[in-house]
Amino acid sequence: MTLSEKQQIQKPIQKLPPRNLDHVVEIIQHNKPSGKYSSDEIHVDLEKEDNVALWRLYYYVEAVENTRKLPG
């Protein structure tokens, strides 16, 4: 994933509603050994994540944004 693509998902992740942040944590932890995040606030360094996790985040954030744009 390019730097530009990483920047495209950084801000939308920060704007996600709390209920969607749990899934972001699950995506990040999916390929990690163990170690649950116990804090209310976590820091994700996109530079250190593998491409699979980054693309999963990208598509998840895009899906959430598209859902929020639907009339309702």
PDB file of N, CA and C in Angstrom:
ATOM      1  N   MET A   1       0.856  -1.168   0.000  1.00  0.00           N
ATOM      2  CA  MET A   1       0.000   0.000   0.000  1.00  0.00           C
ATOM      3  C   MET A   1       0.899   1.227   0.000  1.00  0.00           C
ATOM      4  N   THR A   2       0.526   2.208  -0.805  1.00  0.00           N
ATOM      5  CA  THR A   2       1.339   3.413  -0.908  1.00  0.00           C
ATOM      6  C   THR A   2       1.102   4.350   0.263  1.00  0.00           C
ATOM      7  N   LEU A   3       2.009   5.288   0.420  1.00  0.00           N
ATOM      8  CA  LEU A   3       1.869   6.291   1.474  1.00  0.00           C
ATOM      9  C   LEU A   3       0.576   7.083   1.295  1.00  0.00           C
ATOM     10  N   SER A   4       0.254   7.419   0.079  1.00  0.00           N
ATOM     11  CA  SER A   4      -0.971   8.169  -0.219  1.00  0.00           C
ATOM     12  C   SER A   4      -2.213   7.386   0.207  1.00  0.00           C
ATOM     13  N   GLU A   5      -2.224   6.094  -0.072  1.00  0.00           N
ATOM     14  CA  GLU A   5      -3.362   5.258   0.311  1.00  0.00           C
ATOM     15  C   GLU A   5      -3.464   5.138   1.831  1.00  0.00           C
ATOM     16  N   LYS A   6      -2.325   5.053   2.495  1.00  0.00           N
ATOM     17  CA  LYS A   6      -2.336   5.009   3.960  1.00  0.00           C
ATOM     18  C   LYS A   6      -2.912   6.300   4.532  1.00  0.00           C
ATOM     19  N   GLN A   7      -2.553   7.414   3.924  1.00  0.00           N
ATOM     20  CA  GLN A   7      -3.073   8.703   4.386  1.00  0.00           C
ATOM     21  C   GLN A   7      -4.567   8.811   4.146  1.00  0.00           C
ATOM     22  N   GLN A   8      -5.059   8.153   3.098  1.00  0.00           N
ATOM     23  CA  GLN A   8      -6.484   8.184   2.796  1.00  0.00           C
ATOM     24  C   GLN A   8      -7.318   7.492   3.860  1.00  0.00           C
ATOM     25  N   ILE A   9      -6.762   6.528   4.552  1.00  0.00           N
ATOM     26  CA  ILE A   9      -7.544   5.831   5.573  1.00  0.00           C
ATOM     27  C   ILE A   9      -7.296   6.358   6.980  1.00  0.00           C
ATOM     28  N   GLN A  10      -6.255   7.125   7.155  1.00  0.00           N
ATOM     29  CA  GLN A  10      -5.910   7.594   8.499  1.00  0.00           C
ATOM     30  C   GLN A  10      -7.004   8.484   9.096  1.00  0.00           C
ATOM     31  N   LYS A  11      -7.407   9.518   8.394  1.00  0.00           N
ATOM     32  CA  LYS A  11      -8.417  10.437   8.937  1.00  0.00           C
ATOM     33  C   LYS A  11      -9.784   9.784   9.087  1.00  0.00           C
ATOM     34  N   PRO A  12     -10.242   9.025   8.085  1.00  0.00           N
ATOM     35  CA  PRO A  12     -11.546   8.375   8.279  1.00  0.00           C
ATOM     36  C   PRO A  12     -11.592   7.421   9.468  1.00  0.00           C
ATOM     37  N   ILE A  13     -10.474   6.760   9.773  1.00  0.00           N
ATOM     38  CA  ILE A  13     -10.451   5.879  10.945  1.00  0.00           C
ATOM     39  C   ILE A  13     -10.697   6.701  12.203  1.00  0.00           C
ATOM     40  N   GLN A  14     -10.094   7.863  12.277  1.00  0.00           N
ATOM     41  CA  GLN A  14     -10.244   8.722  13.448  1.00  0.00           C
ATOM     42  C   GLN A  14     -11.671   9.242  13.596  1.00  0.00           C
ATOM     43  N   LYS A  15     -12.424   9.285  12.512  1.00  0.00           N
ATOM     44  CA  LYS A  15     -13.787   9.810  12.545  1.00  0.00           C
ATOM     45  C   LYS A  15     -14.848   8.726  12.713  1.00  0.00           C
ATOM     46  N   LEU A  16     -14.421   7.477  12.786  1.00  0.00           N
ATOM     47  CA  LEU A  16     -15.387   6.390  12.923  1.00  0.00           C
ATOM     48  C   LEU A  16     -16.122   6.465  14.251  1.00  0.00           C
ATOM     49  N   PRO A  17     -17.396   6.085  14.252  1.00  0.00           N
ATOM     50  CA  PRO A  17     -18.134   6.007  15.520  1.00  0.00           C
ATOM     51  C   PRO A  17     -17.530   4.906  16.404  1.00  0.00           C
ATOM     52  N   PRO A  18     -17.666   5.031  17.707  1.00  0.00           N
ATOM     53  CA  PRO A  18     -17.072   4.049  18.631  1.00  0.00           C
ATOM     54  C   PRO A  18     -17.447   2.604  18.321  1.00  0.00           C
ATOM     55  N   ARG A  19     -18.668   2.369  17.889  1.00  0.00           N
ATOM     56  CA  ARG A  19     -19.084   0.985  17.625  1.00  0.00           C
ATOM     57  C   ARG A  19     -18.287   0.368  16.468  1.00  0.00           C
ATOM     58  N   ASN A  20     -17.778   1.203  15.561  1.00  0.00           N
ATOM     59  CA  ASN A  20     -17.000   0.699  14.432  1.00  0.00           C
ATOM     60  C   ASN A  20     -15.520   0.560  14.766  1.00  0.00           C
ATOM     61  N   LEU A  21     -15.066   1.232  15.796  1.00  0.00           N
ATOM     62  CA  LEU A  21     -13.651   1.147  16.172  1.00  0.00           C
ATOM     63  C   LEU A  21     -13.278  -0.237  16.693  1.00  0.00           C
ATOM     64  N   ASP A  22     -14.237  -0.931  17.292  1.00  0.00           N
ATOM     65  CA  ASP A  22     -13.965  -2.293  17.763  1.00  0.00           C
ATOM     66  C   ASP A  22     -13.546  -3.187  16.598  1.00  0.00           C
ATOM     67  N   HIS A  23     -14.179  -3.014  15.457  1.00  0.00           N
ATOM     68  CA  HIS A  23     -13.836  -3.828  14.296  1.00  0.00           C
ATOM     69  C   HIS A  23     -12.455  -3.448  13.755  1.00  0.00           C
ATOM     70  N   VAL A  24     -12.095  -2.184  13.843  1.00  0.00           N
ATOM     71  CA  VAL A  24     -10.757  -1.748  13.435  1.00  0.00           C
ATOM     72  C   VAL A  24      -9.709  -2.465  14.287  1.00  0.00           C
ATOM     73  N   VAL A  25      -9.940  -2.537  15.578  1.00  0.00           N
ATOM     74  CA  VAL A  25      -9.013  -3.232  16.483  1.00  0.00           C
ATOM     75  C   VAL A  25      -8.935  -4.712  16.111  1.00  0.00           C
ATOM     76  N   GLU A  26     -10.070  -5.319  15.789  1.00  0.00           N
ATOM     77  CA  GLU A  26     -10.072  -6.724  15.387  1.00  0.00           C
ATOM     78  C   GLU A  26      -9.247  -6.945  14.119  1.00  0.00           C
ATOM     79  N   ILE A  27      -9.368  -6.039  13.160  1.00  0.00           N
ATOM     80  CA  ILE A  27      -8.596  -6.152  11.920  1.00  0.00           C
ATOM     81  C   ILE A  27      -7.107  -6.079  12.220  1.00  0.00           C
ATOM     82  N   ILE A  28      -6.718  -5.132  13.059  1.00  0.00           N
ATOM     83  CA  ILE A  28      -5.306  -4.957  13.404  1.00  0.00           C
ATOM     84  C   ILE A  28      -4.777  -6.181  14.156  1.00  0.00           C
ATOM     85  N   GLN A  29      -5.571  -6.721  15.057  1.00  0.00           N
ATOM     86  CA  GLN A  29      -5.124  -7.844  15.884  1.00  0.00           C
ATOM     87  C   GLN A  29      -5.175  -9.178  15.157  1.00  0.00           C
ATOM     88  N   HIS A  30      -5.863  -9.241  14.035  1.00  0.00           N
ATOM     89  CA  HIS A  30      -6.106 -10.508  13.341  1.00  0.00           C
ATOM     90  C   HIS A  30      -4.826 -11.306  13.085  1.00  0.00           C
ATOM     91  N   ASN A  31      -3.785 -10.670  12.614  1.00  0.00           N
ATOM     92  CA  ASN A  31      -2.548 -11.384  12.300  1.00  0.00           C
ATOM     93  C   ASN A  31      -1.461 -11.216  13.354  1.00  0.00           C
ATOM     94  N   LYS A  32      -1.812 -10.681  14.478  1.00  0.00           N
ATOM     95  CA  LYS A  32      -0.841 -10.496  15.560  1.00  0.00           C
ATOM     96  C   LYS A  32      -0.923 -11.688  16.505  1.00  0.00           C
ATOM     97  N   PRO A  33       0.182 -12.015  17.153  1.00  0.00           N
ATOM     98  CA  PRO A  33       0.123 -13.125  18.113  1.00  0.00           C
ATOM     99  C   PRO A  33      -0.970 -12.901  19.152  1.00  0.00           C
ATOM    100  N   SER A  34      -0.689 -12.531  20.320  1.00  0.00           N
ATOM    101  CA  SER A  34      -1.737 -12.239  21.285  1.00  0.00           C
ATOM    102  C   SER A  34      -1.508 -10.851  21.810  1.00  0.00           C
ATOM    103  N   GLY A  35      -2.327 -10.478  22.733  1.00  0.00           N
ATOM    104  CA  GLY A  35      -2.151  -9.159  23.319  1.00  0.00           C
ATOM    105  C   GLY A  35      -3.317  -8.263  23.003  1.00  0.00           C
ATOM    106  N   LYS A  36      -4.276  -8.309  23.859  1.00  0.00           N
ATOM    107  CA  LYS A  36      -5.457  -7.463  23.689  1.00  0.00           C
ATOM    108  C   LYS A  36      -5.129  -6.054  24.132  1.00  0.00           C
ATOM    109  N   TYR A  37      -5.767  -5.099  23.465  1.00  0.00           N
ATOM    110  CA  TYR A  37      -5.627  -3.717  23.887  1.00  0.00           C
ATOM    111  C   TYR A  37      -6.551  -3.500  25.069  1.00  0.00           C
ATOM    112  N   SER A  38      -6.009  -2.985  26.149  1.00  0.00           N
ATOM    113  CA  SER A  38      -6.828  -2.815  27.347  1.00  0.00           C
ATOM    114  C   SER A  38      -7.156  -1.355  27.609  1.00  0.00           C
ATOM    115  N   SER A  39      -6.657  -0.474  26.810  1.00  0.00           N
ATOM    116  CA  SER A  39      -6.877   0.945  27.021  1.00  0.00           C
ATOM    117  C   SER A  39      -8.086   1.423  26.231  1.00  0.00           C
ATOM    118  N   ASP A  40      -8.652   2.549  26.658  1.00  0.00           N
ATOM    119  CA  ASP A  40      -9.748   3.155  25.907  1.00  0.00           C
ATOM    120  C   ASP A  40      -9.226   3.823  24.645  1.00  0.00           C
ATOM    121  N   GLU A  41      -7.939   4.074  24.610  1.00  0.00           N
ATOM    122  CA  GLU A  41      -7.339   4.742  23.461  1.00  0.00           C
ATOM    123  C   GLU A  41      -6.154   3.925  22.978  1.00  0.00           C
ATOM    124  N   ILE A  42      -6.126   3.665  21.682  1.00  0.00           N
ATOM    125  CA  ILE A  42      -4.998   2.932  21.120  1.00  0.00           C
ATOM    126  C   ILE A  42      -4.380   3.749  20.002  1.00  0.00           C
ATOM    127  N   HIS A  43      -3.145   3.459  19.726  1.00  0.00           N
ATOM    128  CA  HIS A  43      -2.446   4.121  18.626  1.00  0.00           C
ATOM    129  C   HIS A  43      -2.072   3.047  17.618  1.00  0.00           C
ATOM    130  N   VAL A  44      -2.473   3.261  16.368  1.00  0.00           N
ATOM    131  CA  VAL A  44      -2.147   2.331  15.305  1.00  0.00           C
ATOM    132  C   VAL A  44      -1.166   3.022  14.370  1.00  0.00           C
ATOM    133  N   ASP A  45       0.012   2.430  14.232  1.00  0.00           N
ATOM    134  CA  ASP A  45       1.015   2.965  13.322  1.00  0.00           C
ATOM    135  C   ASP A  45       0.847   2.250  11.987  1.00  0.00           C
ATOM    136  N   LEU A  46       0.241   2.931  11.023  1.00  0.00           N
ATOM    137  CA  LEU A  46      -0.037   2.325   9.737  1.00  0.00           C
ATOM    138  C   LEU A  46       1.239   1.912   9.001  1.00  0.00           C
ATOM    139  N   GLU A  47       2.348   2.546   9.332  1.00  0.00           N
ATOM    140  CA  GLU A  47       3.616   2.195   8.698  1.00  0.00           C
ATOM    141  C   GLU A  47       4.091   0.801   9.111  1.00  0.00           C
ATOM    142  N   LYS A  48       3.640   0.333  10.268  1.00  0.00           N
ATOM    143  CA  LYS A  48       4.103  -0.954  10.784  1.00  0.00           C
ATOM    144  C   LYS A  48       3.139  -2.096  10.487  1.00  0.00           C
ATOM    145  N   GLU A  49       2.001  -1.793   9.904  1.00  0.00           N
ATOM    146  CA  GLU A  49       1.017  -2.836   9.604  1.00  0.00           C
ATOM    147  C   GLU A  49       1.295  -3.454   8.239  1.00  0.00           C
ATOM    148  N   ASP A  50       0.959  -4.731   8.106  1.00  0.00           N
ATOM    149  CA  ASP A  50       1.169  -5.381   6.815  1.00  0.00           C
ATOM    150  C   ASP A  50       0.082  -4.972   5.821  1.00  0.00           C
ATOM    151  N   ASN A  51       0.354  -5.230   4.554  1.00  0.00           N
ATOM    152  CA  ASN A  51      -0.566  -4.803   3.502  1.00  0.00           C
ATOM    153  C   ASN A  51      -1.944  -5.442   3.612  1.00  0.00           C
ATOM    154  N   VAL A  52      -2.011  -6.679   4.065  1.00  0.00           N
ATOM    155  CA  VAL A  52      -3.310  -7.342   4.199  1.00  0.00           C
ATOM    156  C   VAL A  52      -4.188  -6.586   5.189  1.00  0.00           C
ATOM    157  N   ALA A  53      -3.640  -6.261   6.343  1.00  0.00           N
ATOM    158  CA  ALA A  53      -4.401  -5.524   7.351  1.00  0.00           C
ATOM    159  C   ALA A  53      -4.768  -4.134   6.846  1.00  0.00           C
ATOM    160  N   LEU A  54      -3.839  -3.487   6.162  1.00  0.00           N
ATOM    161  CA  LEU A  54      -4.112  -2.140   5.654  1.00  0.00           C
ATOM    162  C   LEU A  54      -5.242  -2.136   4.629  1.00  0.00           C
ATOM    163  N   TRP A  55      -5.227  -3.098   3.727  1.00  0.00           N
ATOM    164  CA  TRP A  55      -6.297  -3.157   2.735  1.00  0.00           C
ATOM    165  C   TRP A  55      -7.631  -3.530   3.364  1.00  0.00           C
ATOM    166  N   ARG A  56      -7.609  -4.394   4.377  1.00  0.00           N
ATOM    167  CA  ARG A  56      -8.853  -4.713   5.093  1.00  0.00           C
ATOM    168  C   ARG A  56      -9.397  -3.463   5.777  1.00  0.00           C
ATOM    169  N   LEU A  57      -8.510  -2.678   6.385  1.00  0.00           N
ATOM    170  CA  LEU A  57      -8.929  -1.418   6.999  1.00  0.00           C
ATOM    171  C   LEU A  57      -9.494  -0.467   5.958  1.00  0.00           C
ATOM    172  N   TYR A  58      -8.810  -0.357   4.844  1.00  0.00           N
ATOM    173  CA  TYR A  58      -9.228   0.543   3.769  1.00  0.00           C
ATOM    174  C   TYR A  58     -10.656   0.221   3.322  1.00  0.00           C
ATOM    175  N   TYR A  59     -10.921  -1.042   3.023  1.00  0.00           N
ATOM    176  CA  TYR A  59     -12.247  -1.423   2.548  1.00  0.00           C
ATOM    177  C   TYR A  59     -13.300  -1.334   3.646  1.00  0.00           C
ATOM    178  N   TYR A  60     -12.918  -1.611   4.879  1.00  0.00           N
ATOM    179  CA  TYR A  60     -13.869  -1.484   5.982  1.00  0.00           C
ATOM    180  C   TYR A  60     -14.273  -0.025   6.183  1.00  0.00           C
ATOM    181  N   VAL A  61     -13.294   0.864   6.214  1.00  0.00           N
ATOM    182  CA  VAL A  61     -13.582   2.290   6.400  1.00  0.00           C
ATOM    183  C   VAL A  61     -14.427   2.811   5.239  1.00  0.00           C
ATOM    184  N   GLU A  62     -14.109   2.393   4.038  1.00  0.00           N
ATOM    185  CA  GLU A  62     -14.872   2.812   2.859  1.00  0.00           C
ATOM    186  C   GLU A  62     -16.322   2.326   2.967  1.00  0.00           C
ATOM    187  N   ALA A  63     -16.519   1.093   3.406  1.00  0.00           N
ATOM    188  CA  ALA A  63     -17.869   0.548   3.554  1.00  0.00           C
ATOM    189  C   ALA A  63     -18.661   1.311   4.608  1.00  0.00           C
ATOM    190  N   VAL A  64     -18.025   1.626   5.731  1.00  0.00           N
ATOM    191  CA  VAL A  64     -18.709   2.388   6.785  1.00  0.00           C
ATOM    192  C   VAL A  64     -19.094   3.772   6.270  1.00  0.00           C
ATOM    193  N   GLU A  65     -18.194   4.426   5.569  1.00  0.00           N
ATOM    194  CA  GLU A  65     -18.486   5.756   5.031  1.00  0.00           C
ATOM    195  C   GLU A  65     -19.635   5.700   4.036  1.00  0.00           C
ATOM    196  N   ASN A  66     -19.642   4.706   3.166  1.00  0.00           N
ATOM    197  CA  ASN A  66     -20.719   4.574   2.189  1.00  0.00           C
ATOM    198  C   ASN A  66     -22.055   4.303   2.866  1.00  0.00           C
ATOM    199  N   THR A  67     -22.039   3.514   3.909  1.00  0.00           N
ATOM    200  CA  THR A  67     -23.268   3.218   4.657  1.00  0.00           C
ATOM    201  C   THR A  67     -23.803   4.484   5.329  1.00  0.00           C
ATOM    202  N   ARG A  68     -22.911   5.306   5.843  1.00  0.00           N
ATOM    203  CA  ARG A  68     -23.328   6.525   6.525  1.00  0.00           C
ATOM    204  C   ARG A  68     -23.921   7.534   5.542  1.00  0.00           C
ATOM    205  N   LYS A  69     -23.557   7.431   4.267  1.00  0.00           N
ATOM    206  CA  LYS A  69     -24.059   8.361   3.251  1.00  0.00           C
ATOM    207  C   LYS A  69     -25.451   7.965   2.743  1.00  0.00           C
ATOM    208  N   LEU A  70     -25.888   6.737   3.020  1.00  0.00           N
ATOM    209  CA  LEU A  70     -27.187   6.286   2.553  1.00  0.00           C
ATOM    210  C   LEU A  70     -28.292   7.100   3.214  1.00  0.00           C
ATOM    211  N   PRO A  71     -29.345   7.403   2.457  1.00  0.00           N
ATOM    212  CA  PRO A  71     -30.466   8.120   3.077  1.00  0.00           C
ATOM    213  C   PRO A  71     -31.139   7.216   4.092  1.00  0.00           C
ATOM    214  N   GLY A  72     -31.530   7.806   5.169  1.00  0.00           N
ATOM    215  CA  GLY A  72     -32.086   6.914   6.142  1.00  0.00           C
ATOM    216  C   GLY A  72     -32.940   7.523   7.127  1.00  0.00           C
TER     217      GLY A  72
END
